[in-house]
Amino acid sequence: MKKIVINVENGKKEIIDLTEQEQNQSNIDYKKWSENKAIEDADKQNKKNKKASGKQKLKDLGLDDDEIKALMGA
């Protein structure tokens, strides 16, 4: 893995290899990010499922699409 180091005084850019410690930290950070992303995606899907389930329950009670939209504010 590489990183870009920019000298803020003269704008000179240098591409250098990450140290072993930086690579390890990068791997740890990516793993944490991907775990959090999976949880976030599951939460979003759960919310969609609950919304669809709620709409279906309202339909089962006899409400039509316009009534459901009026209730849900959509």
C-alpha atoms as a PDB file:
ATOM      1  CA  MET A   1       0.000   0.000   0.000  1.00  0.00           C
ATOM      2  CA  LYS A   2       1.046   3.551  -0.699  1.00  0.00           C
ATOM      3  CA  LYS A   3       0.299   6.999   0.659  1.00  0.00           C
ATOM      4  CA  ILE A   4       0.734  10.470  -0.726  1.00  0.00           C
ATOM      5  CA  VAL A   5       2.690  12.941   1.371  1.00  0.00           C
ATOM      6  CA  ILE A   6       2.280  16.596   0.409  1.00  0.00           C
ATOM      7  CA  ASN A   7       4.671  19.253   1.576  1.00  0.00           C
ATOM      8  CA  VAL A   8       2.348  22.152   2.407  1.00  0.00           C
ATOM      9  CA  GLU A   9       5.119  24.704   2.078  1.00  0.00           C
ATOM     10  CA  ASN A  10       6.025  23.970  -1.529  1.00  0.00           C
ATOM     11  CA  GLY A  11       3.176  21.696  -2.720  1.00  0.00           C
ATOM     12  CA  LYS A  12       5.574  18.906  -3.631  1.00  0.00           C
ATOM     13  CA  LYS A  13       3.934  15.463  -3.608  1.00  0.00           C
ATOM     14  CA  GLU A  14       5.667  12.222  -2.778  1.00  0.00           C
ATOM     15  CA  ILE A  15       4.245   8.701  -3.002  1.00  0.00           C
ATOM     16  CA  ILE A  16       5.704   6.363  -0.406  1.00  0.00           C
ATOM     17  CA  ASP A  17       5.004   2.898   0.947  1.00  0.00           C
ATOM     18  CA  LEU A  18       3.031   2.538   4.157  1.00  0.00           C
ATOM     19  CA  THR A  19       4.914   1.153   7.103  1.00  0.00           C
ATOM     20  CA  GLU A  20       3.875  -2.258   8.416  1.00  0.00           C
ATOM     21  CA  GLN A  21       2.192  -0.535  11.361  1.00  0.00           C
ATOM     22  CA  GLU A  22       0.239   1.793   9.023  1.00  0.00           C
ATOM     23  CA  GLN A  23      -0.841  -1.161   6.888  1.00  0.00           C
ATOM     24  CA  ASN A  24      -2.035  -3.053   9.966  1.00  0.00           C
ATOM     25  CA  GLN A  25      -3.985  -0.014  11.168  1.00  0.00           C
ATOM     26  CA  SER A  26      -5.479   0.436   7.715  1.00  0.00           C
ATOM     27  CA  ASN A  27      -6.644  -3.184   7.731  1.00  0.00           C
ATOM     28  CA  ILE A  28      -8.150  -2.773  11.218  1.00  0.00           C
ATOM     29  CA  ASP A  29      -9.920   0.436  10.178  1.00  0.00           C
ATOM     30  CA  TYR A  30     -11.303  -1.183   7.022  1.00  0.00           C
ATOM     31  CA  LYS A  31     -12.593  -4.186   8.968  1.00  0.00           C
ATOM     32  CA  LYS A  32     -14.367  -1.896  11.469  1.00  0.00           C
ATOM     33  CA  TRP A  33     -15.817   0.175   8.627  1.00  0.00           C
ATOM     34  CA  SER A  34     -17.101  -2.885   6.764  1.00  0.00           C
ATOM     35  CA  GLU A  35     -18.681  -4.309   9.941  1.00  0.00           C
ATOM     36  CA  ASN A  36     -20.402  -0.984  10.631  1.00  0.00           C
ATOM     37  CA  LYS A  37     -21.541  -0.786   6.994  1.00  0.00           C
ATOM     38  CA  ALA A  38     -23.071  -4.265   7.226  1.00  0.00           C
ATOM     39  CA  ILE A  39     -24.961  -3.284  10.394  1.00  0.00           C
ATOM     40  CA  GLU A  40     -26.134  -0.056   8.780  1.00  0.00           C
ATOM     41  CA  ASP A  41     -27.314  -1.910   5.663  1.00  0.00           C
ATOM     42  CA  ALA A  42     -29.171  -4.460   7.790  1.00  0.00           C
ATOM     43  CA  ASP A  43     -30.846  -1.652   9.745  1.00  0.00           C
ATOM     44  CA  LYS A  44     -31.966   0.042   6.513  1.00  0.00           C
ATOM     45  CA  GLN A  45     -33.357  -3.240   5.167  1.00  0.00           C
ATOM     46  CA  ASN A  46     -35.145  -3.903   8.458  1.00  0.00           C
ATOM     47  CA  LYS A  47     -36.751  -0.455   8.290  1.00  0.00           C
ATOM     48  CA  LYS A  48     -37.916  -1.091   4.704  1.00  0.00           C
ATOM     49  CA  ASN A  49     -39.339  -4.463   5.714  1.00  0.00           C
ATOM     50  CA  LYS A  50     -41.224  -2.957   8.652  1.00  0.00           C
ATOM     51  CA  LYS A  51     -42.661  -0.213   6.446  1.00  0.00           C
ATOM     52  CA  ALA A  52     -43.846  -2.742   3.869  1.00  0.00           C
ATOM     53  CA  SER A  53     -45.286  -4.930   6.617  1.00  0.00           C
ATOM     54  CA  GLY A  54     -47.124  -1.969   8.114  1.00  0.00           C
ATOM     55  CA  LYS A  55     -48.592  -1.024   4.740  1.00  0.00           C
ATOM     56  CA  GLN A  56     -49.749  -4.581   4.192  1.00  0.00           C
ATOM     57  CA  LYS A  57     -51.395  -4.683   7.609  1.00  0.00           C
ATOM     58  CA  LEU A  58     -53.280  -1.488   6.792  1.00  0.00           C
ATOM     59  CA  LYS A  59     -54.408  -3.020   3.484  1.00  0.00           C
ATOM     60  CA  ASP A  60     -55.523  -6.133   5.360  1.00  0.00           C
ATOM     61  CA  LEU A  61     -57.672  -3.857   7.536  1.00  0.00           C
ATOM     62  CA  GLY A  62     -59.373  -2.592   4.380  1.00  0.00           C
ATOM     63  CA  LEU A  63     -57.619   0.727   3.727  1.00  0.00           C
ATOM     64  CA  ASP A  64     -56.908   1.640   0.117  1.00  0.00           C
ATOM     65  CA  ASP A  65     -53.635   3.076  -1.198  1.00  0.00           C
ATOM     66  CA  ASP A  66     -54.832   6.702  -0.980  1.00  0.00           C
ATOM     67  CA  GLU A  67     -55.854   6.280   2.657  1.00  0.00           C
ATOM     68  CA  ILE A  68     -52.536   4.652   3.491  1.00  0.00           C
ATOM     69  CA  LYS A  69     -50.628   7.475   1.787  1.00  0.00           C
ATOM     70  CA  ALA A  70     -52.650  10.029   3.752  1.00  0.00           C
ATOM     71  CA  LEU A  71     -51.823   8.267   7.015  1.00  0.00           C
ATOM     72  CA  MET A  72     -48.141   7.889   6.254  1.00  0.00           C
ATOM     73  CA  GLY A  73     -47.716  11.441   4.998  1.00  0.00           C
ATOM     74  CA  ALA A  74     -46.498  10.365   1.591  1.00  0.00           C
END
